[in-house]
Amino acid sequence: MGPQPDRAQGSVVVSGAKRRQRTPGDRDDRTEAVAGLAARKAAARLLAAVIDARTPLDGLTDHDNGHPQYRALDMRDRALVRAILVTALRHRMTIAGLLSRRLEKPLPQNATALSHILHVAAAQILFLDIPDSAAVDLAVTHAKSDPRTLRFSGLINGVLRTLARAKDAELAPALIATEEAPAWFSGRLRAAYGVDKAKEILAAHRHEAPVDFSVKSDPALWTERLGGIVLPTGTIRVERLSASVPELPGFAEGAWWVQDAAAALPARLFGDIKGLRVADLCAAPGGKTAQLILAGARVTAVD
């Protein structure tokens, strides 16, 4: 049976008009429209920047000045990318160990693009509330869209599908057996604090820290809107953010600012400072400055 119009035969698209054969380096615009693909590509790109170029994650994901590929995303996808990256980095050694069990031999040293795609997908499969099938399919589509990883798309599919099937049995033991820290660092912790306390410290590193907020007024209202609790000092603490900080209610209005609970204490200890002149030295990022102004002080902030 001869070729049918408008059907793909391998890498050649057959239609009424002649089209040249596609090469792996050609950009396929159809992949750009796949839901969720841009976020996964951004996550892999930023993971490469952190791991390969030692670029700080906070700078890459800055709301206004972050990596262009990150800023091109909408708020929902930005939050997803940051969740993937934080998870992939926080559990990097556990992820690497579980992936290596699925590989007959280690990845080549120059296969960093392949490694980053695998880690981004594995972070979703093992730790995030994302369907395994979506994480696998998007990783395969990503690999096929990049000439550096095109030939590894089958490997990615096989490794990630076996990982998804094995996670219930293998993840918990792997978390117990793996220290998410370089040997030199964990060794120093044990020397300073003892084996048991060092183990507790390393275990705590696996958990994302809560986010603290100082509010201008009405802590009860903002506790409810942000989904947190009020600490005895008046700080609002949110264990897990529902969105990225700029997307949260009250951000645009300046109703609150992110400030660690401990960092908020000094300004509160001054008592009544209304009308007093205050010099705030080394003022960045500005949380204490905002507190002092809110208390009625005449503040000169220097950094």
C-alpha atoms as a PDB file:
ATOM      1  CA  MET A   1       0.000   0.000   0.000  1.00  0.00           C
ATOM      2  CA  GLY A   2       1.476   3.357  -1.048  1.00  0.00           C
ATOM      3  CA  PRO A   3       2.044   6.310   1.266  1.00  0.00           C
ATOM      4  CA  GLN A   4      -1.066   8.178   2.315  1.00  0.00           C
ATOM      5  CA  PRO A   5      -1.284  11.986   2.113  1.00  0.00           C
ATOM      6  CA  ASP A   6      -0.236  13.953   5.172  1.00  0.00           C
ATOM      7  CA  ARG A   7       1.011  10.947   7.129  1.00  0.00           C
ATOM      8  CA  ALA A   8       4.439  10.741   8.702  1.00  0.00           C
ATOM      9  CA  GLN A   9       6.782   8.059   7.385  1.00  0.00           C
ATOM     10  CA  GLY A  10       9.721   7.907   9.773  1.00  0.00           C
ATOM     11  CA  SER A  11      11.170  11.392   9.636  1.00  0.00           C
ATOM     12  CA  VAL A  12       9.661  12.293   6.245  1.00  0.00           C
ATOM     13  CA  VAL A  13       6.310  14.038   6.048  1.00  0.00           C
ATOM     14  CA  VAL A  14       4.481  12.981   2.903  1.00  0.00           C
ATOM     15  CA  SER A  15       1.966  15.399   1.415  1.00  0.00           C
ATOM     16  CA  GLY A  16       0.947  16.925  -1.868  1.00  0.00           C
ATOM     17  CA  ALA A  17       3.972  19.223  -1.743  1.00  0.00           C
ATOM     18  CA  LYS A  18       7.518  17.960  -1.489  1.00  0.00           C
ATOM     19  CA  ARG A  19       9.184  18.575   1.838  1.00  0.00           C
ATOM     20  CA  ARG A  20      12.766  17.988   2.736  1.00  0.00           C
ATOM     21  CA  GLN A  21      13.648  15.247   5.172  1.00  0.00           C
ATOM     22  CA  ARG A  22      13.879  16.469   8.766  1.00  0.00           C
ATOM     23  CA  THR A  23      17.170  16.212  10.602  1.00  0.00           C
ATOM     24  CA  PRO A  24      17.621  15.836  14.381  1.00  0.00           C
ATOM     25  CA  GLY A  25      18.769  19.442  14.662  1.00  0.00           C
ATOM     26  CA  ASP A  26      15.580  20.845  13.161  1.00  0.00           C
ATOM     27  CA  ARG A  27      13.283  22.611  15.595  1.00  0.00           C
ATOM     28  CA  ASP A  28       9.875  20.958  15.709  1.00  0.00           C
ATOM     29  CA  ASP A  29       7.337  23.668  16.478  1.00  0.00           C
ATOM     30  CA  ARG A  30       4.758  21.031  17.344  1.00  0.00           C
ATOM     31  CA  THR A  31       6.640  20.134  20.515  1.00  0.00           C
ATOM     32  CA  GLU A  32       6.511  23.747  21.703  1.00  0.00           C
ATOM     33  CA  ALA A  33       2.728  23.467  22.079  1.00  0.00           C
ATOM     34  CA  VAL A  34       2.831  20.359  24.305  1.00  0.00           C
ATOM     35  CA  ALA A  35       1.314  21.310  27.658  1.00  0.00           C
ATOM     36  CA  GLY A  36       3.920  21.377  30.397  1.00  0.00           C
ATOM     37  CA  LEU A  37       6.911  20.907  28.095  1.00  0.00           C
ATOM     38  CA  ALA A  38       8.189  24.480  28.379  1.00  0.00           C
ATOM     39  CA  ALA A  39       8.248  24.174  32.172  1.00  0.00           C
ATOM     40  CA  ARG A  40      10.229  20.915  32.037  1.00  0.00           C
ATOM     41  CA  LYS A  41      12.682  22.379  29.543  1.00  0.00           C
ATOM     42  CA  ALA A  42      13.173  25.392  31.784  1.00  0.00           C
ATOM     43  CA  ALA A  43      13.684  23.141  34.803  1.00  0.00           C
ATOM     44  CA  ALA A  44      16.371  21.120  33.010  1.00  0.00           C
ATOM     45  CA  ARG A  45      18.057  24.280  31.735  1.00  0.00           C
ATOM     46  CA  LEU A  46      18.168  25.856  35.180  1.00  0.00           C
ATOM     47  CA  LEU A  47      19.306  22.608  36.785  1.00  0.00           C
ATOM     48  CA  ALA A  48      22.204  22.616  34.324  1.00  0.00           C
ATOM     49  CA  ALA A  49      23.047  26.185  35.344  1.00  0.00           C
ATOM     50  CA  VAL A  50      23.118  25.235  39.029  1.00  0.00           C
ATOM     51  CA  ILE A  51      25.008  21.943  38.677  1.00  0.00           C
ATOM     52  CA  ASP A  52      27.336  22.667  35.759  1.00  0.00           C
ATOM     53  CA  ALA A  53      27.918  26.420  36.129  1.00  0.00           C
ATOM     54  CA  ARG A  54      27.423  26.751  39.917  1.00  0.00           C
ATOM     55  CA  THR A  55      24.851  29.516  39.426  1.00  0.00           C
ATOM     56  CA  PRO A  56      22.741  30.293  42.539  1.00  0.00           C
ATOM     57  CA  LEU A  57      19.165  29.050  42.200  1.00  0.00           C
ATOM     58  CA  ASP A  58      17.629  32.156  43.786  1.00  0.00           C
ATOM     59  CA  GLY A  59      19.103  34.379  41.086  1.00  0.00           C
ATOM     60  CA  LEU A  60      17.908  32.099  38.286  1.00  0.00           C
ATOM     61  CA  THR A  61      14.349  32.110  39.623  1.00  0.00           C
ATOM     62  CA  ASP A  62      14.138  35.786  40.554  1.00  0.00           C
ATOM     63  CA  HIS A  63      10.705  37.133  39.631  1.00  0.00           C
ATOM     64  CA  ASP A  64      12.008  40.143  37.693  1.00  0.00           C
ATOM     65  CA  ASN A  65      15.629  39.368  36.834  1.00  0.00           C
ATOM     66  CA  GLY A  66      15.784  35.593  36.632  1.00  0.00           C
ATOM     67  CA  HIS A  67      16.767  33.401  33.700  1.00  0.00           C
ATOM     68  CA  PRO A  68      14.863  34.410  30.509  1.00  0.00           C
ATOM     69  CA  GLN A  69      13.542  30.875  30.047  1.00  0.00           C
ATOM     70  CA  TYR A  70      12.072  31.052  33.557  1.00  0.00           C
ATOM     71  CA  ARG A  71      10.608  34.541  33.171  1.00  0.00           C
ATOM     72  CA  ALA A  72       8.897  33.492  29.935  1.00  0.00           C
ATOM     73  CA  LEU A  73       6.635  31.155  31.935  1.00  0.00           C
ATOM     74  CA  ASP A  74       3.366  32.079  33.610  1.00  0.00           C
ATOM     75  CA  MET A  75       3.157  32.144  37.396  1.00  0.00           C
ATOM     76  CA  ARG A  76       1.795  28.621  37.674  1.00  0.00           C
ATOM     77  CA  ASP A  77       4.614  27.133  35.618  1.00  0.00           C
ATOM     78  CA  ARG A  78       7.202  29.203  37.484  1.00  0.00           C
ATOM     79  CA  ALA A  79       5.990  27.689  40.747  1.00  0.00           C
ATOM     80  CA  LEU A  80       6.192  24.211  39.200  1.00  0.00           C
ATOM     81  CA  VAL A  81       9.721  24.787  37.908  1.00  0.00           C
ATOM     82  CA  ARG A  82      10.912  25.989  41.295  1.00  0.00           C
ATOM     83  CA  ALA A  83       9.287  23.004  43.022  1.00  0.00           C
ATOM     84  CA  ILE A  84      10.997  20.618  40.605  1.00  0.00           C
ATOM     85  CA  LEU A  85      14.379  22.297  41.047  1.00  0.00           C
ATOM     86  CA  VAL A  86      14.252  22.487  44.837  1.00  0.00           C
ATOM     87  CA  THR A  87      13.250  18.816  44.957  1.00  0.00           C
ATOM     88  CA  ALA A  88      15.850  17.684  42.425  1.00  0.00           C
ATOM     89  CA  LEU A  89      18.612  19.475  44.338  1.00  0.00           C
ATOM     90  CA  ARG A  90      17.461  18.584  47.844  1.00  0.00           C
ATOM     91  CA  HIS A  91      17.272  14.872  46.954  1.00  0.00           C
ATOM     92  CA  ARG A  92      19.995  14.797  44.312  1.00  0.00           C
ATOM     93  CA  MET A  93      21.997  11.905  45.760  1.00  0.00           C
ATOM     94  CA  THR A  94      18.920   9.760  46.380  1.00  0.00           C
ATOM     95  CA  ILE A  95      17.694  10.390  42.832  1.00  0.00           C
ATOM     96  CA  ALA A  96      21.117   9.621  41.372  1.00  0.00           C
ATOM     97  CA  GLY A  97      21.314   6.347  43.284  1.00  0.00           C
ATOM     98  CA  LEU A  98      17.872   5.155  42.193  1.00  0.00           C
ATOM     99  CA  LEU A  99      18.534   6.114  38.568  1.00  0.00           C
ATOM    100  CA  SER A 100      21.891   4.321  38.541  1.00  0.00           C
ATOM    101  CA  ARG A 101      20.166   1.045  39.445  1.00  0.00           C
ATOM    102  CA  ARG A 102      18.333   1.263  36.122  1.00  0.00           C
ATOM    103  CA  LEU A 103      21.464   1.849  34.035  1.00  0.00           C
ATOM    104  CA  GLU A 104      23.742  -0.938  32.829  1.00  0.00           C
ATOM    105  CA  LYS A 105      26.683   1.465  32.959  1.00  0.00           C
ATOM    106  CA  PRO A 106      27.191   5.055  34.136  1.00  0.00           C
ATOM    107  CA  LEU A 107      26.198   7.880  31.820  1.00  0.00           C
ATOM    108  CA  PRO A 108      29.067   9.387  29.795  1.00  0.00           C
ATOM    109  CA  GLN A 109      30.711  12.417  31.410  1.00  0.00           C
ATOM    110  CA  ASN A 110      29.571  14.624  28.534  1.00  0.00           C
ATOM    111  CA  ALA A 111      25.928  13.473  28.712  1.00  0.00           C
ATOM    112  CA  THR A 112      24.924  16.236  31.110  1.00  0.00           C
ATOM    113  CA  ALA A 113      21.806  17.191  29.141  1.00  0.00           C
ATOM    114  CA  LEU A 114      20.579  13.594  29.433  1.00  0.00           C
ATOM    115  CA  SER A 115      21.325  13.530  33.163  1.00  0.00           C
ATOM    116  CA  HIS A 116      19.376  16.735  33.784  1.00  0.00           C
ATOM    117  CA  ILE A 117      16.304  15.467  31.912  1.00  0.00           C
ATOM    118  CA  LEU A 118      16.381  12.262  33.982  1.00  0.00           C
ATOM    119  CA  HIS A 119      16.755  14.139  37.273  1.00  0.00           C
ATOM    120  CA  VAL A 120      13.928  16.563  36.465  1.00  0.00           C
ATOM    121  CA  ALA A 121      11.585  13.681  35.638  1.00  0.00           C
ATOM    122  CA  ALA A 122      12.708  11.534  38.579  1.00  0.00           C
ATOM    123  CA  ALA A 123      12.074  14.393  41.025  1.00  0.00           C
ATOM    124  CA  GLN A 124       8.471  14.508  39.813  1.00  0.00           C
ATOM    125  CA  ILE A 125       7.999  10.732  39.894  1.00  0.00           C
ATOM    126  CA  LEU A 126       9.509  10.194  43.335  1.00  0.00           C
ATOM    127  CA  PHE A 127       8.503  13.280  45.300  1.00  0.00           C
ATOM    128  CA  LEU A 128       5.911  15.507  43.596  1.00  0.00           C
ATOM    129  CA  ASP A 129       2.185  15.108  43.104  1.00  0.00           C
ATOM    130  CA  ILE A 130       2.461  14.675  39.340  1.00  0.00           C
ATOM    131  CA  PRO A 131       1.217  11.599  37.420  1.00  0.00           C
ATOM    132  CA  ASP A 132       4.084   9.268  36.559  1.00  0.00           C
ATOM    133  CA  SER A 133       2.883   8.966  32.973  1.00  0.00           C
ATOM    134  CA  ALA A 134       2.994  12.741  32.480  1.00  0.00           C
ATOM    135  CA  ALA A 135       6.523  13.004  33.891  1.00  0.00           C
ATOM    136  CA  VAL A 136       7.752  10.173  31.656  1.00  0.00           C
ATOM    137  CA  ASP A 137       6.015  11.328  28.475  1.00  0.00           C
ATOM    138  CA  LEU A 138       7.230  14.908  28.840  1.00  0.00           C
ATOM    139  CA  ALA A 139      10.794  13.749  29.482  1.00  0.00           C
ATOM    140  CA  VAL A 140      10.726  11.616  26.327  1.00  0.00           C
ATOM    141  CA  THR A 141       9.246  14.469  24.282  1.00  0.00           C
ATOM    142  CA  HIS A 142      11.895  16.812  25.675  1.00  0.00           C
ATOM    143  CA  ALA A 143      14.660  14.388  24.728  1.00  0.00           C
ATOM    144  CA  LYS A 144      13.329  14.029  21.190  1.00  0.00           C
ATOM    145  CA  SER A 145      13.311  17.811  20.749  1.00  0.00           C
ATOM    146  CA  ASP A 146      17.006  18.172  21.618  1.00  0.00           C
ATOM    147  CA  PRO A 147      19.637  16.816  19.196  1.00  0.00           C
ATOM    148  CA  ARG A 148      21.951  16.116  22.151  1.00  0.00           C
ATOM    149  CA  THR A 149      19.471  13.670  23.676  1.00  0.00           C
ATOM    150  CA  LEU A 150      17.394  12.491  20.715  1.00  0.00           C
ATOM    151  CA  ARG A 151      19.094   9.096  20.523  1.00  0.00           C
ATOM    152  CA  PHE A 152      18.563   8.529  24.256  1.00  0.00           C
ATOM    153  CA  SER A 153      14.761   8.910  24.198  1.00  0.00           C
ATOM    154  CA  GLY A 154      14.255   5.138  24.405  1.00  0.00           C
ATOM    155  CA  LEU A 155      16.642   4.864  27.334  1.00  0.00           C
ATOM    156  CA  ILE A 156      14.845   7.696  29.131  1.00  0.00           C
ATOM    157  CA  ASN A 157      11.498   6.002  28.607  1.00  0.00           C
ATOM    158  CA  GLY A 158      12.729   2.652  29.927  1.00  0.00           C
ATOM    159  CA  VAL A 159      14.624   4.024  32.917  1.00  0.00           C
ATOM    160  CA  LEU A 160      11.794   6.273  34.099  1.00  0.00           C
ATOM    161  CA  ARG A 161       9.048   3.677  33.667  1.00  0.00           C
ATOM    162  CA  THR A 162      10.973   1.117  35.717  1.00  0.00           C
ATOM    163  CA  LEU A 163      11.695   3.805  38.312  1.00  0.00           C
ATOM    164  CA  ALA A 164       7.977   4.588  38.583  1.00  0.00           C
ATOM    165  CA  ARG A 165       7.160   0.906  39.108  1.00  0.00           C
ATOM    166  CA  ALA A 166       9.857   0.465  41.761  1.00  0.00           C
ATOM    167  CA  LYS A 167       9.428   3.659  43.791  1.00  0.00           C
ATOM    168  CA  ASP A 168       7.012   2.245  46.382  1.00  0.00           C
ATOM    169  CA  ALA A 169       9.486  -0.482  47.302  1.00  0.00           C
ATOM    170  CA  GLU A 170      12.777   1.371  46.889  1.00  0.00           C
ATOM    171  CA  LEU A 171      12.297   5.034  47.841  1.00  0.00           C
ATOM    172  CA  ALA A 172      11.929   4.716  51.623  1.00  0.00           C
ATOM    173  CA  PRO A 173      15.015   2.484  52.064  1.00  0.00           C
ATOM    174  CA  ALA A 174      17.002   4.780  49.767  1.00  0.00           C
ATOM    175  CA  LEU A 175      16.108   7.821  51.867  1.00  0.00           C
ATOM    176  CA  ILE A 176      17.295   6.053  55.017  1.00  0.00           C
ATOM    177  CA  ALA A 177      20.545   4.885  53.447  1.00  0.00           C
ATOM    178  CA  THR A 178      21.485   8.105  51.640  1.00  0.00           C
ATOM    179  CA  GLU A 179      23.061  11.203  53.146  1.00  0.00           C
ATOM    180  CA  GLU A 180      22.154  14.252  51.066  1.00  0.00           C
ATOM    181  CA  ALA A 181      25.510  15.893  51.699  1.00  0.00           C
ATOM    182  CA  PRO A 182      29.121  15.545  50.561  1.00  0.00           C
ATOM    183  CA  ALA A 183      31.176  13.148  52.665  1.00  0.00           C
ATOM    184  CA  TRP A 184      33.419  15.968  53.931  1.00  0.00           C
ATOM    185  CA  PHE A 185      30.410  17.926  55.209  1.00  0.00           C
ATOM    186  CA  SER A 186      28.659  15.014  56.918  1.00  0.00           C
ATOM    187  CA  GLY A 187      32.007  14.055  58.457  1.00  0.00           C
ATOM    188  CA  ARG A 188      32.367  17.518  59.970  1.00  0.00           C
ATOM    189  CA  LEU A 189      28.832  17.352  61.344  1.00  0.00           C
ATOM    190  CA  ARG A 190      29.541  14.036  63.059  1.00  0.00           C
ATOM    191  CA  ALA A 191      32.787  15.376  64.491  1.00  0.00           C
ATOM    192  CA  ALA A 192      31.068  18.488  65.852  1.00  0.00           C
ATOM    193  CA  TYR A 193      27.724  17.094  67.039  1.00  0.00           C
ATOM    194  CA  GLY A 194      28.047  13.311  67.246  1.00  0.00           C
ATOM    195  CA  VAL A 195      26.522  10.625  65.035  1.00  0.00           C
ATOM    196  CA  ASP A 196      22.900  10.891  66.202  1.00  0.00           C
ATOM    197  CA  LYS A 197      22.633  14.685  66.084  1.00  0.00           C
ATOM    198  CA  ALA A 198      24.392  14.801  62.706  1.00  0.00           C
ATOM    199  CA  LYS A 199      21.857  12.322  61.354  1.00  0.00           C
ATOM    200  CA  GLU A 200      19.010  14.555  62.561  1.00  0.00           C
ATOM    201  CA  ILE A 201      20.573  17.619  60.931  1.00  0.00           C
ATOM    202  CA  LEU A 202      21.018  15.828  57.611  1.00  0.00           C
ATOM    203  CA  ALA A 203      17.444  14.511  57.776  1.00  0.00           C
ATOM    204  CA  ALA A 204      16.156  18.057  58.360  1.00  0.00           C
ATOM    205  CA  HIS A 205      17.908  19.224  55.195  1.00  0.00           C
ATOM    206  CA  ARG A 206      15.508  17.059  53.187  1.00  0.00           C
ATOM    207  CA  HIS A 207      12.547  19.218  54.167  1.00  0.00           C
ATOM    208  CA  GLU A 208      11.780  22.588  52.645  1.00  0.00           C
ATOM    209  CA  ALA A 209      11.835  25.343  55.226  1.00  0.00           C
ATOM    210  CA  PRO A 210       8.598  27.192  56.034  1.00  0.00           C
ATOM    211  CA  VAL A 211       8.195  30.780  54.851  1.00  0.00           C
ATOM    212  CA  ASP A 212       7.693  33.581  57.380  1.00  0.00           C
ATOM    213  CA  PHE A 213       5.825  36.828  56.704  1.00  0.00           C
ATOM    214  CA  SER A 214       5.686  40.162  58.486  1.00  0.00           C
ATOM    215  CA  VAL A 215       2.393  41.978  57.888  1.00  0.00           C
ATOM    216  CA  LYS A 216       1.457  45.647  58.005  1.00  0.00           C
ATOM    217  CA  SER A 217      -1.789  44.997  59.874  1.00  0.00           C
ATOM    218  CA  ASP A 218      -4.514  42.441  60.633  1.00  0.00           C
ATOM    219  CA  PRO A 219      -2.447  39.278  61.179  1.00  0.00           C
ATOM    220  CA  ALA A 220      -5.616  37.197  61.575  1.00  0.00           C
ATOM    221  CA  LEU A 221      -6.837  38.147  58.085  1.00  0.00           C
ATOM    222  CA  TRP A 222      -3.520  37.411  56.407  1.00  0.00           C
ATOM    223  CA  THR A 223      -3.063  34.194  58.338  1.00  0.00           C
ATOM    224  CA  GLU A 224      -6.288  32.961  56.786  1.00  0.00           C
ATOM    225  CA  ARG A 225      -5.545  34.257  53.287  1.00  0.00           C
ATOM    226  CA  LEU A 226      -1.994  32.898  53.210  1.00  0.00           C
ATOM    227  CA  GLY A 227      -2.890  29.608  54.872  1.00  0.00           C
ATOM    228  CA  GLY A 228      -0.515  29.890  57.814  1.00  0.00           C
ATOM    229  CA  ILE A 229      -0.357  30.258  61.581  1.00  0.00           C
ATOM    230  CA  VAL A 230       0.485  33.231  63.797  1.00  0.00           C
ATOM    231  CA  LEU A 231       3.607  32.758  65.901  1.00  0.00           C
ATOM    232  CA  PRO A 232       3.749  34.269  69.422  1.00  0.00           C
ATOM    233  CA  THR A 233       5.929  37.087  68.054  1.00  0.00           C
ATOM    234  CA  GLY A 234       3.298  38.110  65.481  1.00  0.00           C
ATOM    235  CA  THR A 235       5.035  36.590  62.466  1.00  0.00           C
ATOM    236  CA  ILE A 236       2.865  34.539  60.106  1.00  0.00           C
ATOM    237  CA  ARG A 237       4.397  31.184  59.192  1.00  0.00           C
ATOM    238  CA  VAL A 238       3.323  29.171  56.132  1.00  0.00           C
ATOM    239  CA  GLU A 239       4.593  25.597  55.996  1.00  0.00           C
ATOM    240  CA  ARG A 240       4.093  25.178  52.253  1.00  0.00           C
ATOM    241  CA  LEU A 241       3.284  27.948  49.793  1.00  0.00           C
ATOM    242  CA  SER A 242       0.338  27.440  47.466  1.00  0.00           C
ATOM    243  CA  ALA A 243       1.975  29.579  44.753  1.00  0.00           C
ATOM    244  CA  SER A 244       5.118  31.570  44.084  1.00  0.00           C
ATOM    245  CA  VAL A 245       5.521  34.605  46.352  1.00  0.00           C
ATOM    246  CA  PRO A 246       4.635  37.253  43.700  1.00  0.00           C
ATOM    247  CA  GLU A 247       1.411  35.350  42.971  1.00  0.00           C
ATOM    248  CA  LEU A 248       0.194  35.301  46.582  1.00  0.00           C
ATOM    249  CA  PRO A 249      -2.636  37.597  47.705  1.00  0.00           C
ATOM    250  CA  GLY A 250      -1.353  40.855  49.134  1.00  0.00           C
ATOM    251  CA  PHE A 251       1.960  40.882  47.276  1.00  0.00           C
ATOM    252  CA  ALA A 252       1.041  43.580  44.751  1.00  0.00           C
ATOM    253  CA  GLU A 253      -0.487  45.769  47.465  1.00  0.00           C
ATOM    254  CA  GLY A 254       2.551  45.472  49.740  1.00  0.00           C
ATOM    255  CA  ALA A 255       0.411  44.095  52.560  1.00  0.00           C
ATOM    256  CA  TRP A 256       3.280  41.931  53.831  1.00  0.00           C
ATOM    257  CA  TRP A 257       6.881  41.000  53.138  1.00  0.00           C
ATOM    258  CA  VAL A 258       8.871  37.805  53.528  1.00  0.00           C
ATOM    259  CA  GLN A 259      10.991  37.987  56.686  1.00  0.00           C
ATOM    260  CA  ASP A 260      12.341  35.239  58.910  1.00  0.00           C
ATOM    261  CA  ALA A 261      10.727  35.221  62.348  1.00  0.00           C
ATOM    262  CA  ALA A 262      14.085  35.629  64.091  1.00  0.00           C
ATOM    263  CA  ALA A 263      15.054  38.535  61.830  1.00  0.00           C
ATOM    264  CA  ALA A 264      11.833  40.334  62.799  1.00  0.00           C
ATOM    265  CA  LEU A 265      12.624  40.332  66.526  1.00  0.00           C
ATOM    266  CA  PRO A 266      15.190  43.178  66.861  1.00  0.00           C
ATOM    267  CA  ALA A 267      12.900  45.903  65.511  1.00  0.00           C
ATOM    268  CA  ARG A 268      10.104  44.763  67.825  1.00  0.00           C
ATOM    269  CA  LEU A 269      12.383  45.017  70.859  1.00  0.00           C
ATOM    270  CA  PHE A 270      12.869  48.777  70.387  1.00  0.00           C
ATOM    271  CA  GLY A 271       9.417  49.551  71.736  1.00  0.00           C
ATOM    272  CA  ASP A 272       7.886  52.933  70.835  1.00  0.00           C
ATOM    273  CA  ILE A 273      10.152  54.553  68.230  1.00  0.00           C
ATOM    274  CA  LYS A 274       7.607  56.821  66.570  1.00  0.00           C
ATOM    275  CA  GLY A 275       9.286  60.021  65.364  1.00  0.00           C
ATOM    276  CA  LEU A 276      12.803  58.873  66.257  1.00  0.00           C
ATOM    277  CA  ARG A 277      15.631  58.951  63.734  1.00  0.00           C
ATOM    278  CA  VAL A 278      17.045  55.487  63.010  1.00  0.00           C
ATOM    279  CA  ALA A 279      20.045  54.499  60.889  1.00  0.00           C
ATOM    280  CA  ASP A 280      19.583  51.003  59.452  1.00  0.00           C
ATOM    281  CA  LEU A 281      23.040  49.870  58.319  1.00  0.00           C
ATOM    282  CA  CYS A 282      23.507  46.808  56.072  1.00  0.00           C
ATOM    283  CA  ALA A 283      19.793  47.157  55.416  1.00  0.00           C
ATOM    284  CA  ALA A 284      19.229  44.739  52.521  1.00  0.00           C
ATOM    285  CA  PRO A 285      16.913  43.045  51.797  1.00  0.00           C
ATOM    286  CA  GLY A 286      14.858  45.605  53.715  1.00  0.00           C
ATOM    287  CA  GLY A 287      12.600  43.694  56.088  1.00  0.00           C
ATOM    288  CA  LYS A 288      13.790  45.505  59.213  1.00  0.00           C
ATOM    289  CA  THR A 289      13.671  48.827  57.370  1.00  0.00           C
ATOM    290  CA  ALA A 290      10.014  48.210  56.543  1.00  0.00           C
ATOM    291  CA  GLN A 291       9.297  47.330  60.174  1.00  0.00           C
ATOM    292  CA  LEU A 292      10.954  50.512  61.442  1.00  0.00           C
ATOM    293  CA  ILE A 293       9.058  52.703  58.977  1.00  0.00           C
ATOM    294  CA  LEU A 294       5.798  50.986  59.877  1.00  0.00           C
ATOM    295  CA  ALA A 295       6.524  51.757  63.550  1.00  0.00           C
ATOM    296  CA  GLY A 296       6.749  55.473  62.682  1.00  0.00           C
ATOM    297  CA  ALA A 297      10.522  55.951  62.792  1.00  0.00           C
ATOM    298  CA  ARG A 298      12.375  58.309  60.440  1.00  0.00           C
ATOM    299  CA  VAL A 299      14.687  55.781  58.830  1.00  0.00           C
ATOM    300  CA  THR A 300      17.887  56.172  56.836  1.00  0.00           C
ATOM    301  CA  ALA A 301      18.710  52.783  55.315  1.00  0.00           C
ATOM    302  CA  VAL A 302      22.205  52.092  53.960  1.00  0.00           C
ATOM    303  CA  ASP A 303      23.600  48.986  52.302  1.00  0.00           C
END
